[in-house]
Amino acid sequence: EERNLVNAVQAKNHVIGCYVGLLGETALRMTEGLLLKWKFVNLGERNLTVEASKNYKTRHVPLSDYAIELLRSLPRVIGCEYVFAHALTKDRWRDPRGPFYAGRKAVGLEWVGFHDFRHFRASQWVMRGIDLRTVQELLGHRDITTTMRYAHFATNHAAKSILAAHFADAACRRGE
């Protein structure tokens, strides 16, 4: 669903589609994404630096292959330091809601908001085995209890993980 939404927003506006995709891949806050400058994006090292964090703490966020693909597809606007910029005004996007709302309507996900991408990514990191302290750092939270609220995930996932570990342990005991 996330990729379908990103594609639908890209169909309305390529820059905002990439913005939405980057939020989903990095768990940036809406404003952090809008204020992201090219000088803080390091494609070679596969990370970006969040300078304008809500708690005024700089953090580094890894970039997935998909995030790098999105960033590489963006036009660089001469005279504008921001990643998500208007080519005509040579200024950053300030309100991406128009293309976002049109894209989410096109795929029937009107309930999705920008902040949901943060919840999505935090849950994905946890489900892939990233420990909560690391997720806390990636999200830029001061308090782990905030991260725990973001990192909600299906109870089925925990049960499946326990079963997988049980079967792997049993197979190891049998010498498989």
N, C-alpha and C. Protein backbone atom coordinates (compact mmCIF):
# COMPACT_ATOMS: atom_id res chain seq x y z
N GLU A 1 0.82 -1.20 0.00
CA GLU A 1 0.00 0.00 0.00
C GLU A 1 0.85 1.26 0.00
N GLU A 2 1.97 1.21 0.76
CA GLU A 2 2.83 2.40 0.83
C GLU A 2 3.37 2.75 -0.54
N ARG A 3 3.88 1.77 -1.27
CA ARG A 3 4.45 2.05 -2.60
C ARG A 3 3.36 2.49 -3.59
N ASN A 4 2.18 1.91 -3.48
CA ASN A 4 1.08 2.34 -4.34
C ASN A 4 0.75 3.80 -4.09
N LEU A 5 0.75 4.19 -2.83
CA LEU A 5 0.48 5.58 -2.47
C LEU A 5 1.58 6.50 -3.01
N VAL A 6 2.83 6.11 -2.82
CA VAL A 6 3.94 6.91 -3.33
C VAL A 6 3.81 7.09 -4.84
N ASN A 7 3.53 6.00 -5.55
CA ASN A 7 3.38 6.07 -7.01
C ASN A 7 2.23 6.98 -7.42
N ALA A 8 1.13 6.91 -6.68
CA ALA A 8 -0.03 7.76 -6.99
C ALA A 8 0.29 9.23 -6.76
N VAL A 9 1.02 9.53 -5.70
CA VAL A 9 1.40 10.93 -5.44
C VAL A 9 2.40 11.38 -6.50
N GLN A 10 3.33 10.52 -6.88
CA GLN A 10 4.29 10.87 -7.94
C GLN A 10 3.57 11.19 -9.24
N ALA A 11 2.48 10.49 -9.52
CA ALA A 11 1.71 10.75 -10.73
C ALA A 11 1.09 12.15 -10.70
N LYS A 12 0.81 12.66 -9.51
CA LYS A 12 0.26 14.01 -9.36
C LYS A 12 1.38 15.05 -9.37
N ASN A 13 2.48 14.74 -8.67
CA ASN A 13 3.63 15.64 -8.62
C ASN A 13 4.85 14.81 -8.24
N HIS A 14 5.82 14.75 -9.14
CA HIS A 14 6.99 13.88 -8.92
C HIS A 14 7.75 14.25 -7.65
N VAL A 15 7.97 15.52 -7.42
CA VAL A 15 8.76 15.95 -6.26
C VAL A 15 8.06 15.54 -4.97
N ILE A 16 6.77 15.77 -4.87
CA ILE A 16 6.05 15.42 -3.64
C ILE A 16 5.91 13.91 -3.51
N GLY A 17 5.81 13.20 -4.60
CA GLY A 17 5.82 11.73 -4.53
C GLY A 17 7.12 11.23 -3.94
N CYS A 18 8.24 11.82 -4.35
CA CYS A 18 9.54 11.45 -3.77
C CYS A 18 9.62 11.84 -2.31
N TYR A 19 9.07 12.98 -1.98
CA TYR A 19 9.03 13.43 -0.58
C TYR A 19 8.28 12.42 0.28
N VAL A 20 7.10 12.02 -0.17
CA VAL A 20 6.29 11.04 0.56
C VAL A 20 7.05 9.72 0.69
N GLY A 21 7.67 9.28 -0.40
CA GLY A 21 8.45 8.04 -0.36
C GLY A 21 9.60 8.13 0.62
N LEU A 22 10.28 9.28 0.66
CA LEU A 22 11.40 9.44 1.59
C LEU A 22 10.92 9.44 3.04
N LEU A 23 9.77 10.04 3.30
CA LEU A 23 9.21 9.99 4.66
C LEU A 23 8.98 8.53 5.06
N GLY A 24 8.44 7.74 4.14
CA GLY A 24 8.17 6.33 4.43
C GLY A 24 9.42 5.49 4.61
N GLU A 25 10.50 5.88 3.98
CA GLU A 25 11.75 5.11 4.08
C GLU A 25 12.62 5.54 5.26
N THR A 26 12.48 6.77 5.71
CA THR A 26 13.39 7.31 6.72
C THR A 26 12.73 7.68 8.04
N ALA A 27 11.42 7.75 8.07
CA ALA A 27 10.65 8.16 9.25
C ALA A 27 10.93 9.61 9.63
N LEU A 28 11.29 10.43 8.65
CA LEU A 28 11.45 11.85 8.94
C LEU A 28 10.10 12.45 9.30
N ARG A 29 10.13 13.46 10.15
CA ARG A 29 8.93 14.24 10.40
C ARG A 29 8.64 15.08 9.15
N MET A 30 7.40 15.50 9.00
CA MET A 30 6.99 16.26 7.84
C MET A 30 7.91 17.48 7.62
N THR A 31 8.11 18.26 8.66
CA THR A 31 8.93 19.46 8.56
C THR A 31 10.39 19.12 8.30
N GLU A 32 10.89 18.06 8.90
CA GLU A 32 12.28 17.65 8.66
C GLU A 32 12.51 17.36 7.18
N GLY A 33 11.54 16.72 6.55
CA GLY A 33 11.65 16.44 5.13
C GLY A 33 11.60 17.70 4.29
N LEU A 34 10.69 18.60 4.63
CA LEU A 34 10.56 19.84 3.87
C LEU A 34 11.79 20.74 4.02
N LEU A 35 12.48 20.64 5.15
CA LEU A 35 13.67 21.46 5.40
C LEU A 35 14.98 20.77 5.02
N LEU A 36 14.90 19.55 4.50
CA LEU A 36 16.10 18.81 4.15
C LEU A 36 16.87 19.51 3.03
N LYS A 37 18.17 19.70 3.25
CA LYS A 37 19.04 20.36 2.28
C LYS A 37 19.96 19.33 1.65
N TRP A 38 20.31 19.58 0.38
CA TRP A 38 21.17 18.65 -0.33
C TRP A 38 22.50 18.44 0.38
N LYS A 39 23.02 19.44 1.06
CA LYS A 39 24.32 19.28 1.72
C LYS A 39 24.27 18.26 2.86
N PHE A 40 23.07 17.88 3.29
CA PHE A 40 22.91 16.89 4.35
C PHE A 40 22.55 15.50 3.83
N VAL A 41 22.57 15.34 2.51
CA VAL A 41 22.30 14.05 1.88
C VAL A 41 23.61 13.50 1.35
N ASN A 42 23.99 12.31 1.81
CA ASN A 42 25.24 11.69 1.37
C ASN A 42 24.89 10.34 0.74
N LEU A 43 24.72 10.35 -0.57
CA LEU A 43 24.35 9.13 -1.28
C LEU A 43 25.47 8.11 -1.23
N GLY A 44 26.72 8.56 -1.24
CA GLY A 44 27.86 7.65 -1.18
C GLY A 44 27.91 6.86 0.11
N GLU A 45 27.65 7.54 1.21
CA GLU A 45 27.64 6.88 2.52
C GLU A 45 26.26 6.35 2.88
N ARG A 46 25.29 6.58 2.00
CA ARG A 46 23.93 6.06 2.17
C ARG A 46 23.26 6.54 3.45
N ASN A 47 23.38 7.85 3.71
CA ASN A 47 22.68 8.39 4.87
C ASN A 47 22.34 9.85 4.65
N LEU A 48 21.49 10.34 5.52
CA LEU A 48 21.20 11.77 5.53
C LEU A 48 21.28 12.25 6.97
N THR A 49 21.55 13.51 7.11
CA THR A 49 21.66 14.12 8.42
C THR A 49 20.45 15.01 8.64
N VAL A 50 19.81 14.83 9.77
CA VAL A 50 18.67 15.67 10.13
C VAL A 50 19.22 16.76 11.04
N GLU A 51 19.23 17.96 10.50
CA GLU A 51 19.77 19.11 11.22
C GLU A 51 18.69 19.79 12.06
N ALA A 52 17.51 19.90 11.51
CA ALA A 52 16.44 20.66 12.15
C ALA A 52 15.50 19.73 12.89
N SER A 53 16.02 19.01 13.86
CA SER A 53 15.20 18.05 14.61
C SER A 53 14.30 18.76 15.61
N LYS A 54 13.20 18.11 15.92
CA LYS A 54 12.23 18.66 16.88
C LYS A 54 12.87 18.90 18.24
N ASN A 55 13.78 18.01 18.64
CA ASN A 55 14.43 18.17 19.96
C ASN A 55 15.82 18.81 19.83
N TYR A 56 16.08 19.42 18.68
CA TYR A 56 17.33 20.17 18.42
C TYR A 56 18.57 19.30 18.46
N LYS A 57 18.41 18.01 18.27
CA LYS A 57 19.53 17.08 18.28
C LYS A 57 19.75 16.57 16.86
N THR A 58 20.97 16.71 16.37
CA THR A 58 21.30 16.21 15.04
C THR A 58 21.31 14.69 15.07
N ARG A 59 20.79 14.09 14.00
CA ARG A 59 20.83 12.63 13.91
C ARG A 59 21.11 12.22 12.47
N HIS A 60 21.56 10.99 12.32
CA HIS A 60 21.89 10.44 11.01
C HIS A 60 20.97 9.26 10.74
N VAL A 61 20.40 9.24 9.55
CA VAL A 61 19.43 8.22 9.18
C VAL A 61 19.96 7.49 7.94
N PRO A 62 20.00 6.15 7.99
CA PRO A 62 20.46 5.40 6.81
C PRO A 62 19.45 5.49 5.66
N LEU A 63 19.96 5.37 4.45
CA LEU A 63 19.11 5.42 3.27
C LEU A 63 19.03 4.04 2.62
N SER A 64 17.83 3.59 2.37
CA SER A 64 17.60 2.33 1.67
C SER A 64 17.87 2.52 0.18
N ASP A 65 17.91 1.43 -0.55
CA ASP A 65 18.05 1.50 -2.00
C ASP A 65 16.91 2.33 -2.61
N TYR A 66 15.72 2.12 -2.10
CA TYR A 66 14.56 2.84 -2.63
C TYR A 66 14.68 4.34 -2.34
N ALA A 67 15.12 4.71 -1.14
CA ALA A 67 15.30 6.12 -0.80
C ALA A 67 16.32 6.76 -1.72
N ILE A 68 17.40 6.05 -1.99
CA ILE A 68 18.44 6.58 -2.89
C ILE A 68 17.88 6.74 -4.30
N GLU A 69 17.10 5.77 -4.74
CA GLU A 69 16.46 5.85 -6.06
C GLU A 69 15.56 7.09 -6.15
N LEU A 70 14.79 7.34 -5.11
CA LEU A 70 13.91 8.51 -5.08
C LEU A 70 14.72 9.80 -5.14
N LEU A 71 15.76 9.88 -4.32
CA LEU A 71 16.58 11.09 -4.28
C LEU A 71 17.29 11.34 -5.61
N ARG A 72 17.77 10.29 -6.24
CA ARG A 72 18.46 10.43 -7.53
C ARG A 72 17.50 10.88 -8.63
N SER A 73 16.23 10.60 -8.48
CA SER A 73 15.26 10.97 -9.52
C SER A 73 14.82 12.44 -9.42
N LEU A 74 15.20 13.09 -8.33
CA LEU A 74 14.77 14.48 -8.13
C LEU A 74 15.63 15.45 -8.93
N PRO A 75 14.98 16.44 -9.53
CA PRO A 75 15.76 17.49 -10.19
C PRO A 75 16.38 18.41 -9.13
N ARG A 76 17.61 18.80 -9.35
CA ARG A 76 18.23 19.78 -8.45
C ARG A 76 17.96 21.17 -9.02
N VAL A 77 17.37 21.99 -8.18
CA VAL A 77 17.00 23.33 -8.61
C VAL A 77 18.16 24.27 -8.33
N ILE A 78 18.73 24.83 -9.39
CA ILE A 78 19.87 25.74 -9.24
C ILE A 78 19.40 26.97 -8.46
N GLY A 79 20.16 27.31 -7.44
CA GLY A 79 19.82 28.46 -6.61
C GLY A 79 18.97 28.10 -5.40
N CYS A 80 18.69 26.82 -5.22
CA CYS A 80 17.90 26.39 -4.06
C CYS A 80 18.62 25.23 -3.39
N GLU A 81 18.86 25.36 -2.10
CA GLU A 81 19.59 24.33 -1.36
C GLU A 81 18.72 23.19 -0.87
N TYR A 82 17.41 23.31 -1.00
CA TYR A 82 16.49 22.32 -0.47
C TYR A 82 16.28 21.16 -1.44
N VAL A 83 16.09 19.98 -0.89
CA VAL A 83 15.88 18.78 -1.70
C VAL A 83 14.53 18.83 -2.40
N PHE A 84 13.50 19.22 -1.69
CA PHE A 84 12.15 19.23 -2.24
C PHE A 84 11.79 20.67 -2.60
N ALA A 85 12.10 21.03 -3.85
CA ALA A 85 12.00 22.42 -4.29
C ALA A 85 11.08 22.56 -5.50
N HIS A 86 10.52 23.75 -5.63
CA HIS A 86 9.76 24.14 -6.83
C HIS A 86 10.75 24.64 -7.87
N ALA A 87 10.69 24.11 -9.06
CA ALA A 87 11.59 24.56 -10.12
C ALA A 87 11.30 26.01 -10.53
N LEU A 88 10.03 26.38 -10.53
CA LEU A 88 9.66 27.73 -10.98
C LEU A 88 10.02 28.81 -9.97
N THR A 89 9.75 28.57 -8.71
CA THR A 89 10.00 29.60 -7.69
C THR A 89 11.41 29.52 -7.12
N LYS A 90 12.09 28.41 -7.37
CA LYS A 90 13.44 28.17 -6.82
C LYS A 90 13.44 28.27 -5.29
N ASP A 91 12.36 27.81 -4.71
CA ASP A 91 12.22 27.79 -3.26
C ASP A 91 11.71 26.41 -2.85
N ARG A 92 11.78 26.12 -1.58
CA ARG A 92 11.35 24.81 -1.08
C ARG A 92 9.83 24.70 -1.08
N TRP A 93 9.37 23.47 -1.10
CA TRP A 93 7.95 23.22 -0.92
C TRP A 93 7.60 23.55 0.52
N ARG A 94 6.50 24.21 0.72
CA ARG A 94 6.04 24.54 2.07
C ARG A 94 4.78 23.77 2.44
N ASP A 95 3.96 23.47 1.44
CA ASP A 95 2.71 22.77 1.71
C ASP A 95 2.47 21.70 0.64
N PRO A 96 2.85 20.46 0.95
CA PRO A 96 2.72 19.37 -0.03
C PRO A 96 1.36 18.67 -0.01
N ARG A 97 0.40 19.24 0.72
CA ARG A 97 -0.87 18.54 0.91
C ARG A 97 -1.66 18.32 -0.37
N GLY A 98 -1.65 19.28 -1.29
CA GLY A 98 -2.46 19.13 -2.51
C GLY A 98 -2.15 17.85 -3.28
N PRO A 99 -0.90 17.67 -3.73
CA PRO A 99 -0.58 16.43 -4.45
C PRO A 99 -0.74 15.19 -3.58
N PHE A 100 -0.43 15.32 -2.29
CA PHE A 100 -0.54 14.17 -1.38
C PHE A 100 -2.00 13.74 -1.26
N TYR A 101 -2.89 14.68 -1.01
CA TYR A 101 -4.30 14.35 -0.86
C TYR A 101 -4.88 13.77 -2.15
N ALA A 102 -4.46 14.32 -3.29
CA ALA A 102 -4.95 13.80 -4.57
C ALA A 102 -4.46 12.37 -4.79
N GLY A 103 -3.21 12.10 -4.44
CA GLY A 103 -2.65 10.75 -4.60
C GLY A 103 -3.32 9.74 -3.69
N ARG A 104 -3.53 10.13 -2.45
CA ARG A 104 -4.13 9.16 -1.52
C ARG A 104 -5.59 8.89 -1.89
N LYS A 105 -6.28 9.89 -2.43
CA LYS A 105 -7.66 9.67 -2.89
C LYS A 105 -7.67 8.70 -4.06
N ALA A 106 -6.69 8.82 -4.94
CA ALA A 106 -6.61 7.97 -6.13
C ALA A 106 -6.46 6.49 -5.77
N VAL A 107 -5.83 6.19 -4.63
CA VAL A 107 -5.65 4.79 -4.22
C VAL A 107 -6.56 4.39 -3.06
N GLY A 108 -7.49 5.27 -2.70
CA GLY A 108 -8.46 4.93 -1.65
C GLY A 108 -7.87 4.88 -0.25
N LEU A 109 -6.88 5.71 0.02
CA LEU A 109 -6.26 5.75 1.35
C LEU A 109 -6.40 7.14 1.97
N GLU A 110 -7.61 7.69 1.90
CA GLU A 110 -7.83 9.05 2.40
C GLU A 110 -7.50 9.22 3.87
N TRP A 111 -7.48 8.15 4.62
CA TRP A 111 -7.22 8.21 6.06
C TRP A 111 -5.73 8.40 6.38
N VAL A 112 -4.84 8.19 5.43
CA VAL A 112 -3.40 8.27 5.69
C VAL A 112 -2.96 9.72 5.79
N GLY A 113 -2.17 10.01 6.83
CA GLY A 113 -1.58 11.34 7.00
C GLY A 113 -0.07 11.25 6.92
N PHE A 114 0.59 12.38 6.85
CA PHE A 114 2.05 12.40 6.74
C PHE A 114 2.71 11.69 7.92
N HIS A 115 2.17 11.86 9.10
CA HIS A 115 2.79 11.27 10.29
C HIS A 115 2.68 9.74 10.31
N ASP A 116 1.74 9.21 9.55
CA ASP A 116 1.59 7.76 9.49
C ASP A 116 2.82 7.07 8.89
N PHE A 117 3.55 7.79 8.05
CA PHE A 117 4.78 7.21 7.48
C PHE A 117 5.82 6.96 8.57
N ARG A 118 5.83 7.80 9.58
CA ARG A 118 6.75 7.63 10.70
C ARG A 118 6.39 6.37 11.49
N HIS A 119 5.12 6.19 11.75
CA HIS A 119 4.65 4.98 12.44
C HIS A 119 4.96 3.74 11.60
N PHE A 120 4.70 3.84 10.31
CA PHE A 120 4.95 2.72 9.39
C PHE A 120 6.42 2.31 9.45
N ARG A 121 7.32 3.27 9.30
CA ARG A 121 8.75 2.94 9.26
C ARG A 121 9.22 2.39 10.60
N ALA A 122 8.79 3.00 11.70
CA ALA A 122 9.20 2.50 13.02
C ALA A 122 8.74 1.05 13.20
N SER A 123 7.52 0.76 12.80
CA SER A 123 7.01 -0.61 12.91
C SER A 123 7.82 -1.56 12.02
N GLN A 124 8.14 -1.11 10.82
CA GLN A 124 8.93 -1.95 9.91
C GLN A 124 10.31 -2.24 10.50
N TRP A 125 10.95 -1.23 11.07
CA TRP A 125 12.26 -1.45 11.67
C TRP A 125 12.19 -2.47 12.80
N VAL A 126 11.18 -2.33 13.66
CA VAL A 126 11.03 -3.25 14.79
C VAL A 126 10.76 -4.67 14.28
N MET A 127 9.88 -4.81 13.29
CA MET A 127 9.55 -6.13 12.76
C MET A 127 10.74 -6.78 12.06
N ARG A 128 11.68 -5.98 11.63
CA ARG A 128 12.89 -6.52 10.99
C ARG A 128 14.01 -6.75 11.99
N GLY A 129 13.71 -6.58 13.27
CA GLY A 129 14.67 -6.93 14.30
C GLY A 129 15.56 -5.80 14.79
N ILE A 130 15.29 -4.57 14.37
CA ILE A 130 16.08 -3.44 14.88
C ILE A 130 15.64 -3.20 16.33
N ASP A 131 16.63 -3.11 17.22
CA ASP A 131 16.28 -2.93 18.64
C ASP A 131 15.69 -1.54 18.87
N LEU A 132 14.88 -1.44 19.94
CA LEU A 132 14.16 -0.20 20.21
C LEU A 132 15.07 0.99 20.47
N ARG A 133 16.22 0.78 21.07
CA ARG A 133 17.15 1.90 21.31
C ARG A 133 17.64 2.48 19.99
N THR A 134 17.94 1.63 19.02
CA THR A 134 18.37 2.11 17.71
C THR A 134 17.22 2.84 17.02
N VAL A 135 16.03 2.28 17.09
CA VAL A 135 14.85 2.94 16.50
C VAL A 135 14.64 4.30 17.18
N GLN A 136 14.83 4.36 18.47
CA GLN A 136 14.72 5.62 19.21
C GLN A 136 15.68 6.66 18.63
N GLU A 137 16.91 6.26 18.40
CA GLU A 137 17.91 7.18 17.83
C GLU A 137 17.53 7.60 16.42
N LEU A 138 17.09 6.66 15.60
CA LEU A 138 16.72 6.97 14.22
C LEU A 138 15.53 7.93 14.16
N LEU A 139 14.60 7.77 15.10
CA LEU A 139 13.43 8.65 15.13
C LEU A 139 13.72 9.98 15.80
N GLY A 140 14.80 10.04 16.58
CA GLY A 140 15.14 11.29 17.27
C GLY A 140 14.32 11.54 18.52
N HIS A 141 13.93 10.47 19.19
CA HIS A 141 13.16 10.61 20.43
C HIS A 141 14.08 10.72 21.63
N ARG A 142 13.72 11.57 22.56
CA ARG A 142 14.46 11.67 23.82
C ARG A 142 14.12 10.52 24.75
N ASP A 143 12.87 10.11 24.71
CA ASP A 143 12.36 9.14 25.67
C ASP A 143 11.95 7.85 24.94
N ILE A 144 12.39 6.73 25.44
CA ILE A 144 12.09 5.43 24.82
C ILE A 144 10.58 5.13 24.84
N THR A 145 9.86 5.68 25.80
CA THR A 145 8.41 5.41 25.85
C THR A 145 7.70 5.99 24.62
N THR A 146 8.20 7.09 24.10
CA THR A 146 7.64 7.65 22.87
C THR A 146 7.87 6.68 21.72
N THR A 147 9.07 6.14 21.65
CA THR A 147 9.41 5.18 20.59
C THR A 147 8.53 3.96 20.70
N MET A 148 8.28 3.51 21.90
CA MET A 148 7.45 2.32 22.09
C MET A 148 6.02 2.55 21.56
N ARG A 149 5.53 3.78 21.67
CA ARG A 149 4.21 4.08 21.11
C ARG A 149 4.24 4.02 19.59
N TYR A 150 5.32 4.48 18.99
CA TYR A 150 5.45 4.48 17.54
C TYR A 150 5.69 3.08 17.00
N ALA A 151 6.36 2.27 17.75
CA ALA A 151 6.80 0.96 17.27
C ALA A 151 5.75 -0.12 17.50
N HIS A 152 4.49 0.26 17.42
CA HIS A 152 3.44 -0.75 17.56
C HIS A 152 3.49 -1.66 16.34
N PHE A 153 3.26 -2.91 16.57
CA PHE A 153 3.20 -3.84 15.44
C PHE A 153 2.26 -4.96 15.80
N ALA A 154 1.84 -5.68 14.78
CA ALA A 154 0.84 -6.73 14.97
C ALA A 154 1.32 -7.78 15.95
N THR A 155 0.45 -8.20 16.86
CA THR A 155 0.82 -9.25 17.80
C THR A 155 1.13 -10.54 17.06
N ASN A 156 0.54 -10.72 15.88
CA ASN A 156 0.86 -11.89 15.06
C ASN A 156 2.34 -11.95 14.74
N HIS A 157 2.96 -10.78 14.51
CA HIS A 157 4.38 -10.76 14.17
C HIS A 157 5.21 -11.33 15.32
N ALA A 158 4.90 -10.94 16.56
CA ALA A 158 5.64 -11.45 17.71
C ALA A 158 5.45 -12.96 17.83
N ALA A 159 4.22 -13.42 17.66
CA ALA A 159 3.96 -14.85 17.76
C ALA A 159 4.71 -15.63 16.68
N LYS A 160 4.72 -15.12 15.46
CA LYS A 160 5.44 -15.79 14.37
C LYS A 160 6.94 -15.81 14.64
N SER A 161 7.47 -14.74 15.21
CA SER A 161 8.90 -14.69 15.53
C SER A 161 9.27 -15.72 16.58
N ILE A 162 8.43 -15.85 17.58
CA ILE A 162 8.68 -16.84 18.63
C ILE A 162 8.62 -18.25 18.06
N LEU A 163 7.61 -18.53 17.23
CA LEU A 163 7.49 -19.85 16.60
C LEU A 163 8.70 -20.15 15.71
N ALA A 164 9.14 -19.18 14.93
CA ALA A 164 10.30 -19.38 14.06
C ALA A 164 11.54 -19.69 14.88
N ALA A 165 11.71 -18.98 15.98
CA ALA A 165 12.86 -19.23 16.85
C ALA A 165 12.76 -20.63 17.47
N HIS A 166 11.56 -21.03 17.86
CA HIS A 166 11.34 -22.35 18.46
C HIS A 166 11.69 -23.45 17.46
N PHE A 167 11.21 -23.31 16.21
CA PHE A 167 11.47 -24.34 15.21
C PHE A 167 12.96 -24.38 14.84
N ALA A 168 13.59 -23.23 14.78
CA ALA A 168 15.03 -23.18 14.48
C ALA A 168 15.82 -23.84 15.60
N ASP A 169 15.42 -23.62 16.85
CA ASP A 169 16.09 -24.23 18.00
C ASP A 169 15.90 -25.74 17.99
N ALA A 170 14.68 -26.18 17.67
CA ALA A 170 14.40 -27.62 17.63
C ALA A 170 15.21 -28.30 16.52
N ALA A 171 15.29 -27.64 15.36
CA ALA A 171 16.07 -28.19 14.25
C ALA A 171 17.54 -28.27 14.61
N CYS A 172 18.03 -27.28 15.33
CA CYS A 172 19.45 -27.27 15.75
C CYS A 172 19.71 -28.43 16.71
N ARG A 173 18.79 -28.69 17.62
CA ARG A 173 18.95 -29.78 18.57
C ARG A 173 18.96 -31.13 17.86
N ARG A 174 18.20 -31.23 16.77
CA ARG A 174 18.14 -32.49 16.00
C ARG A 174 19.35 -32.62 15.07
N GLY A 175 20.17 -31.56 14.98
CA GLY A 175 21.37 -31.60 14.15
C GLY A 175 21.11 -31.26 12.70
N GLU A 176 20.00 -30.62 12.42
CA GLU A 176 19.66 -30.25 11.03
C GLU A 176 20.35 -28.97 10.64
